[in-house]
Structure formats: C-alpha cells, structure tokens
Amino acid sequence: MNKNKIALLAGGGAFPEILSERLYNLGILSLVIVLQGNKERFNFPEGIVYESAPGKINKILGLLRKNKINKVIMIGKIDKTAFLERKGFDLKAFQLLKKLKEGKDMSIFHAIQEELSGIGVEILPQDKYLGDMIVKKGVLTGRKPSKNEMQDAEHGLKYAKQLASMDIGQAVVVKNKVITAVEAIEGTNETIRRGALLSKTGSVVCKAARAKQDKRFDIPGVGLETLKIMAEHKCSLLALEANSIFVVNPEEVIKYADSKKITIIGI
C-alpha cells in the first residue's frame, strides 16, 4: 500500500497539469491547491482541487492538515508582482515576510519549507516525476549551431548562471558576445522581446539554473510559447544548461524549432 499522500501546489503554465495527471494515474495525488491560474484546467474528482491566493498561508496549511498530506510538490509560475503588492496576504504570510532578511526567491522558499516541515510535510524535487523533460547535453534539433552561435551560447550561459545565482533572473539574450537583455521580474519571454529588438536577427537566448540548485524549488523551464516568441523575433538559438532545465513537451517543442530553423542545445 502506497503511504504517499502528495499535494501539488500549482502555479501557472503547463507543468502543473502534466504533473498532476502523472501523479493521479499513479494513484498518489491527494490534493491540488491552485495558486495561479484557473482551477478548471484540472479535471479531477470533486474534493481534490482547491484554490488559494499564494499569500493565504493559513488556508494552504489548513488544507494540507485536513487532507493528511505528508508530501508536496511546488511547481508552476507564480507572478512575482504578488510579492510586491502583497494583496490578499494573511497574517501568517506577513509574519513569514518579516523574518526574511531579503526578498530573494530562495529566502521565501526556505521560509515556506520551515512552515511545511513544522506540520510534518516534506517538499519533493520538482523533477521526481518529470525527469524525462529535463534537457540533456547535446544538440536537440536538426540544425547544428554555427561557430559564432556556440561562442554566444557559451558566453551567455556563463552570465545567465551568475544572474540565476543572484536570484535576479535565469535568462539572457546575446549576440556577438554582447548581452542585449537580462531577465528580472518580467520573465523570460519579455526578456527575449527586449533583447531581440536591439539585435534585430540572430539573437541567442540562454537559460541557466542557479549554482547549487535546489530542485525542490523553481527548476527553470521553457516551452512552445518561448520558441514562438523567438521565431517572431528571428532568434537563431536556444542554449539551455544541461541537466538543469525543463522543456515542456519536448517532442512538440523540437518539431516547432526545426520548422523555424531554430537550434536548441543543452550545454
């Protein structure tokens, strides 16, 4: 008998839906708490799916206790402006924020971890049931990168790694070894738009994880939407840190990249 009672703390994007289906089919999904986006995208029996604003910490903890959850997976996009505006935050959330010395993502995550540990809940790595979507080393697409593109990719990834490790963002846009945009609170797709406008064509988009990445929290990801924005702005290559980045529905993403002559590589 499987003793796991797993809850999914679900942000936006495709990953929560993909993961919840896998957990449900394995018979170990007990609860989905939707923190971002519409709960109707989760088609499960009544009593499994609930909604909560990210700042309703007492409500979230109460749902976990009520359903006797012992493990959670946190996955999906959470709009960081929620932490700027702090609308709808309960007293518990404000108490957690007061404990933080800085507003970095990892500081917030570790504060949440302490609260969950206090009620006997373990946070599982995001890739525990999604390992097949982690990008591997090598060229994923049909078109191979040029020498200049590879130089830009290696140059950009170095800075993307530093950026991620400072908890600022995870992506940079580069052309001819010039960084044209770095990611901050606006997200990867808006970063691509800004950077590509400056370099016109042939931009290289680089995405990396922070040093000493904790895979329980915020494994970076890319999906079809990112590739469509790259195609719209005539970017030529997507460079991803191997073994550290999710690709949503890899076959679909690679097929689209090939149709637009965009190279995807894990480095």
Protein backbone atom coordinates (compact mmCIF):
# COMPACT_ATOMS: atom_id res chain seq x y z
CA MET A 1 0.00 0.00 0.00
CA ASN A 2 1.37 3.40 -1.03
CA LYS A 3 1.56 5.67 2.01
CA ASN A 4 2.38 8.78 -0.02
CA LYS A 5 -0.28 11.48 0.14
CA ILE A 6 1.01 14.06 -2.29
CA ALA A 7 -0.36 17.55 -2.77
CA LEU A 8 0.51 19.73 -5.73
CA LEU A 9 0.96 23.45 -5.07
CA ALA A 10 0.23 24.57 -8.59
CA GLY A 11 1.29 27.79 -10.28
CA GLY A 12 0.60 28.76 -13.87
CA GLY A 13 1.89 27.14 -17.05
CA ALA A 14 1.69 23.60 -18.39
CA PHE A 15 3.83 21.75 -15.83
CA PRO A 16 1.22 21.54 -13.05
CA GLU A 17 -1.30 19.95 -15.43
CA ILE A 18 1.23 17.45 -16.78
CA LEU A 19 2.50 16.51 -13.34
CA SER A 20 -0.95 16.25 -11.74
CA GLU A 21 -2.06 13.78 -14.45
CA ARG A 22 1.01 11.64 -13.83
CA LEU A 23 0.51 11.64 -10.07
CA TYR A 24 -3.20 10.88 -10.43
CA ASN A 25 -2.52 7.95 -12.76
CA LEU A 26 -0.01 6.61 -10.23
CA GLY A 27 -2.70 6.80 -7.54
CA ILE A 28 -0.73 9.16 -5.29
CA LEU A 29 -2.34 12.55 -5.96
CA SER A 30 -4.46 13.55 -2.97
CA LEU A 31 -4.80 17.30 -3.41
CA VAL A 32 -4.19 20.16 -5.85
CA ILE A 33 -4.01 23.69 -4.45
CA VAL A 34 -4.13 26.14 -7.37
CA LEU A 35 -2.11 29.24 -6.52
CA GLN A 36 -2.10 30.78 -10.01
CA GLY A 37 -4.43 30.33 -12.97
CA ASN A 38 -7.83 28.70 -13.35
CA LYS A 39 -8.68 25.58 -11.33
CA GLU A 40 -10.95 24.29 -14.12
CA ARG A 41 -7.84 23.14 -16.03
CA PHE A 42 -7.56 20.30 -13.51
CA ASN A 43 -10.18 17.67 -14.36
CA PHE A 44 -10.24 15.57 -11.21
CA PRO A 45 -12.99 14.28 -8.90
CA GLU A 46 -14.66 16.71 -6.52
CA GLY A 47 -12.74 17.38 -3.34
CA ILE A 48 -9.26 17.15 -4.87
CA VAL A 49 -8.84 20.64 -6.36
CA TYR A 50 -8.92 23.87 -4.33
CA GLU A 51 -7.89 27.46 -5.00
CA SER A 52 -5.85 29.78 -2.81
CA ALA A 53 -4.00 33.01 -3.32
CA PRO A 54 -0.24 32.49 -2.76
CA GLY A 55 -0.37 34.71 0.32
CA LYS A 56 -3.11 32.74 2.10
CA ILE A 57 -0.62 30.66 4.07
CA ASN A 58 -3.02 29.63 6.84
CA LYS A 59 -5.54 28.39 4.29
CA ILE A 60 -2.86 26.36 2.49
CA LEU A 61 -1.54 24.83 5.72
CA GLY A 62 -5.11 24.07 6.81
CA LEU A 63 -5.89 22.19 3.58
CA LEU A 64 -2.71 20.14 3.93
CA ARG A 65 -3.55 19.23 7.53
CA LYS A 66 -7.18 18.41 6.74
CA ASN A 67 -6.17 16.06 3.93
CA LYS A 68 -3.37 14.48 6.00
CA ILE A 69 -0.78 15.32 3.33
CA ASN A 70 2.79 14.19 4.01
CA LYS A 71 4.48 15.32 0.78
CA VAL A 72 4.08 18.27 -1.57
CA ILE A 73 5.50 19.30 -4.91
CA MET A 74 5.62 23.00 -5.72
CA ILE A 75 5.61 23.68 -9.46
CA GLY A 76 4.46 26.30 -11.96
CA LYS A 77 4.78 30.04 -12.42
CA ILE A 78 3.82 32.42 -9.63
CA ASP A 79 3.50 36.06 -10.62
CA LYS A 80 6.18 37.78 -8.56
CA THR A 81 4.23 41.02 -8.52
CA ALA A 82 2.05 39.33 -5.88
CA PHE A 83 5.01 39.63 -3.52
CA LEU A 84 5.46 43.28 -4.43
CA GLU A 85 1.83 44.28 -3.90
CA ARG A 86 1.10 41.71 -1.12
CA LYS A 87 -2.64 41.92 -1.82
CA GLY A 88 -4.65 39.25 -0.02
CA PHE A 89 -1.79 38.20 2.23
CA ASP A 90 -2.89 36.81 5.57
CA LEU A 91 -1.25 37.47 8.93
CA LYS A 92 0.86 34.30 8.66
CA ALA A 93 2.27 35.47 5.32
CA PHE A 94 3.23 38.84 6.75
CA GLN A 95 4.89 37.11 9.72
CA LEU A 96 6.94 34.99 7.30
CA LEU A 97 7.96 38.02 5.26
CA LYS A 98 9.09 39.87 8.40
CA LYS A 99 11.52 37.03 9.11
CA LEU A 100 13.22 37.43 5.73
CA LYS A 101 16.41 39.43 5.53
CA GLU A 102 15.88 39.88 1.77
CA GLY A 103 13.17 39.21 -0.80
CA LYS A 104 15.02 36.63 -2.84
CA ASP A 105 13.11 33.64 -4.21
CA MET A 106 15.16 31.13 -2.22
CA SER A 107 14.68 33.05 1.01
CA ILE A 108 10.91 32.88 0.51
CA PHE A 109 11.01 29.20 -0.46
CA HIS A 110 13.04 28.22 2.58
CA ALA A 111 10.67 30.13 4.86
CA ILE A 112 7.77 28.16 3.35
CA GLN A 113 9.78 24.95 3.77
CA GLU A 114 10.12 25.63 7.51
CA GLU A 115 6.37 26.06 7.83
CA LEU A 116 5.67 22.82 5.97
CA SER A 117 8.26 20.91 7.99
CA GLY A 118 6.53 22.15 11.12
CA ILE A 119 3.40 20.21 10.18
CA GLY A 120 5.32 17.12 9.00
CA VAL A 121 5.20 17.81 5.27
CA GLU A 122 8.18 17.06 3.00
CA ILE A 123 8.81 19.00 -0.22
CA LEU A 124 9.76 16.69 -3.10
CA PRO A 125 12.04 17.67 -6.02
CA GLN A 126 10.14 19.08 -8.99
CA ASP A 127 11.76 16.59 -11.36
CA LYS A 128 10.96 13.46 -9.32
CA TYR A 129 8.14 12.53 -11.70
CA LEU A 130 9.21 14.72 -14.66
CA GLY A 131 12.78 13.55 -15.24
CA ASP A 132 12.11 12.86 -18.94
CA MET A 133 11.55 16.59 -19.51
CA ILE A 134 14.94 17.70 -18.19
CA VAL A 135 17.15 18.75 -21.10
CA LYS A 136 20.18 16.55 -21.77
CA LYS A 137 23.56 17.61 -23.15
CA GLY A 138 23.86 17.95 -26.92
CA VAL A 139 22.02 19.37 -29.93
CA LEU A 140 18.33 18.52 -29.76
CA THR A 141 17.31 19.86 -33.17
CA GLY A 142 18.21 19.10 -36.77
CA ARG A 143 20.17 22.31 -37.42
CA LYS A 144 23.59 22.44 -35.79
CA PRO A 145 24.86 25.70 -34.30
CA SER A 146 27.43 27.78 -36.13
CA LYS A 147 30.78 28.60 -34.54
CA ASN A 148 29.63 32.14 -33.70
CA GLU A 149 26.38 30.88 -32.20
CA MET A 150 28.27 28.46 -29.98
CA GLN A 151 30.54 31.24 -28.78
CA ASP A 152 27.49 33.36 -27.97
CA ALA A 153 25.81 30.42 -26.22
CA GLU A 154 28.81 29.68 -24.01
CA HIS A 155 29.30 33.38 -23.28
CA GLY A 156 25.62 33.94 -22.47
CA LEU A 157 25.22 30.84 -20.30
CA LYS A 158 28.10 31.98 -18.12
CA TYR A 159 26.25 35.21 -17.34
CA ALA A 160 22.84 33.54 -17.09
CA LYS A 161 24.30 31.25 -14.41
CA GLN A 162 25.60 34.23 -12.45
CA LEU A 163 22.27 36.02 -12.82
CA ALA A 164 20.32 32.98 -11.58
CA SER A 165 22.67 32.52 -8.64
CA MET A 166 21.99 36.09 -7.57
CA ASP A 167 18.22 35.36 -7.61
CA ILE A 168 17.60 38.05 -10.23
CA GLY A 169 16.58 36.03 -13.29
CA GLN A 170 17.52 32.95 -15.28
CA ALA A 171 17.96 34.10 -18.87
CA VAL A 172 19.98 36.44 -21.03
CA VAL A 173 19.88 37.38 -24.71
CA VAL A 174 23.19 37.74 -26.54
CA LYS A 175 24.58 38.48 -30.00
CA ASN A 176 28.23 38.69 -30.99
CA LYS A 177 29.15 38.29 -27.29
CA VAL A 178 27.15 41.39 -26.36
CA ILE A 179 24.42 40.87 -23.75
CA THR A 180 21.36 42.71 -25.06
CA ALA A 181 18.92 41.83 -22.25
CA VAL A 182 18.91 40.16 -18.84
CA GLU A 183 15.86 38.69 -17.15
CA ALA A 184 14.37 40.14 -13.98
CA ILE A 185 10.82 40.09 -12.64
CA GLU A 186 9.21 40.34 -16.11
CA GLY A 187 10.12 36.76 -17.11
CA THR A 188 11.97 35.08 -19.97
CA ASN A 189 9.58 35.87 -22.81
CA GLU A 190 9.60 39.64 -22.22
CA THR A 191 13.40 39.49 -21.90
CA ILE A 192 13.61 37.87 -25.33
CA ARG A 193 11.43 40.60 -26.82
CA ARG A 194 13.63 43.36 -25.39
CA GLY A 195 16.92 41.76 -26.38
CA ALA A 196 15.85 40.75 -29.87
CA LEU A 197 14.61 44.24 -30.66
CA LEU A 198 18.16 45.51 -30.17
CA SER A 199 19.93 42.81 -32.14
CA LYS A 200 17.32 42.54 -34.95
CA THR A 201 18.14 38.97 -36.10
CA GLY A 202 20.24 36.05 -34.95
CA SER A 203 19.91 36.51 -31.18
CA VAL A 204 20.93 33.63 -28.92
CA VAL A 205 18.76 33.03 -25.86
CA CYS A 206 20.49 31.40 -22.88
CA LYS A 207 18.83 29.96 -19.79
CA ALA A 208 20.53 28.53 -16.70
CA ALA A 209 19.81 27.41 -13.14
CA ARG A 210 21.37 28.91 -10.04
CA ALA A 211 24.56 27.41 -8.61
CA LYS A 212 23.84 24.67 -6.04
CA GLN A 213 20.34 24.43 -7.44
CA ASP A 214 17.72 23.10 -5.03
CA LYS A 215 15.44 21.06 -7.27
CA ARG A 216 12.55 21.33 -4.85
CA PHE A 217 12.10 24.94 -5.89
CA ASP A 218 11.83 26.59 -9.27
CA ILE A 219 13.64 24.43 -11.84
CA PRO A 220 13.73 26.80 -14.85
CA GLY A 221 11.62 25.78 -17.83
CA VAL A 222 10.92 26.63 -21.44
CA GLY A 223 8.06 25.66 -23.69
CA LEU A 224 6.40 26.26 -27.02
CA GLU A 225 5.45 29.86 -26.20
CA THR A 226 9.12 30.78 -25.72
CA LEU A 227 10.02 29.22 -29.09
CA LYS A 228 7.19 31.11 -30.81
CA ILE A 229 8.46 34.41 -29.41
CA MET A 230 11.99 33.51 -30.53
CA ALA A 231 10.70 32.75 -34.04
CA GLU A 232 8.70 36.00 -34.14
CA HIS A 233 11.86 37.96 -33.30
CA LYS A 234 14.15 35.93 -35.58
CA CYS A 235 16.29 34.43 -32.82
CA SER A 236 18.51 31.61 -34.02
CA LEU A 237 19.47 29.50 -30.99
CA LEU A 238 18.21 28.49 -27.55
CA ALA A 239 21.02 27.40 -25.23
CA LEU A 240 20.00 25.59 -22.05
CA GLU A 241 22.08 24.42 -19.13
CA ALA A 242 22.11 20.63 -19.48
CA ASN A 243 20.53 18.53 -16.70
CA SER A 244 19.07 21.65 -15.06
CA ILE A 245 16.24 22.96 -17.27
CA PHE A 246 12.75 21.63 -18.04
CA VAL A 247 11.42 21.54 -21.60
CA VAL A 248 7.62 21.26 -21.72
CA ASN A 249 6.51 18.56 -24.17
CA PRO A 250 10.00 18.22 -25.74
CA GLU A 251 8.89 16.49 -28.95
CA GLU A 252 6.43 19.28 -29.79
CA VAL A 253 8.99 21.99 -28.96
CA ILE A 254 11.74 20.37 -31.05
CA LYS A 255 9.40 19.85 -34.01
CA TYR A 256 8.43 23.52 -33.95
CA ALA A 257 12.05 24.67 -33.57
CA ASP A 258 13.04 22.59 -36.60
CA SER A 259 10.22 24.14 -38.63
CA LYS A 260 11.58 27.61 -37.82
CA LYS A 261 15.28 26.69 -38.22
CA ILE A 262 15.95 27.42 -34.54
CA THR A 263 18.63 25.35 -32.84
CA ILE A 264 18.15 24.05 -29.31
CA ILE A 265 21.20 22.83 -27.45
CA GLY A 266 21.96 21.60 -23.96
CA ILE A 267 25.39 22.67 -22.76
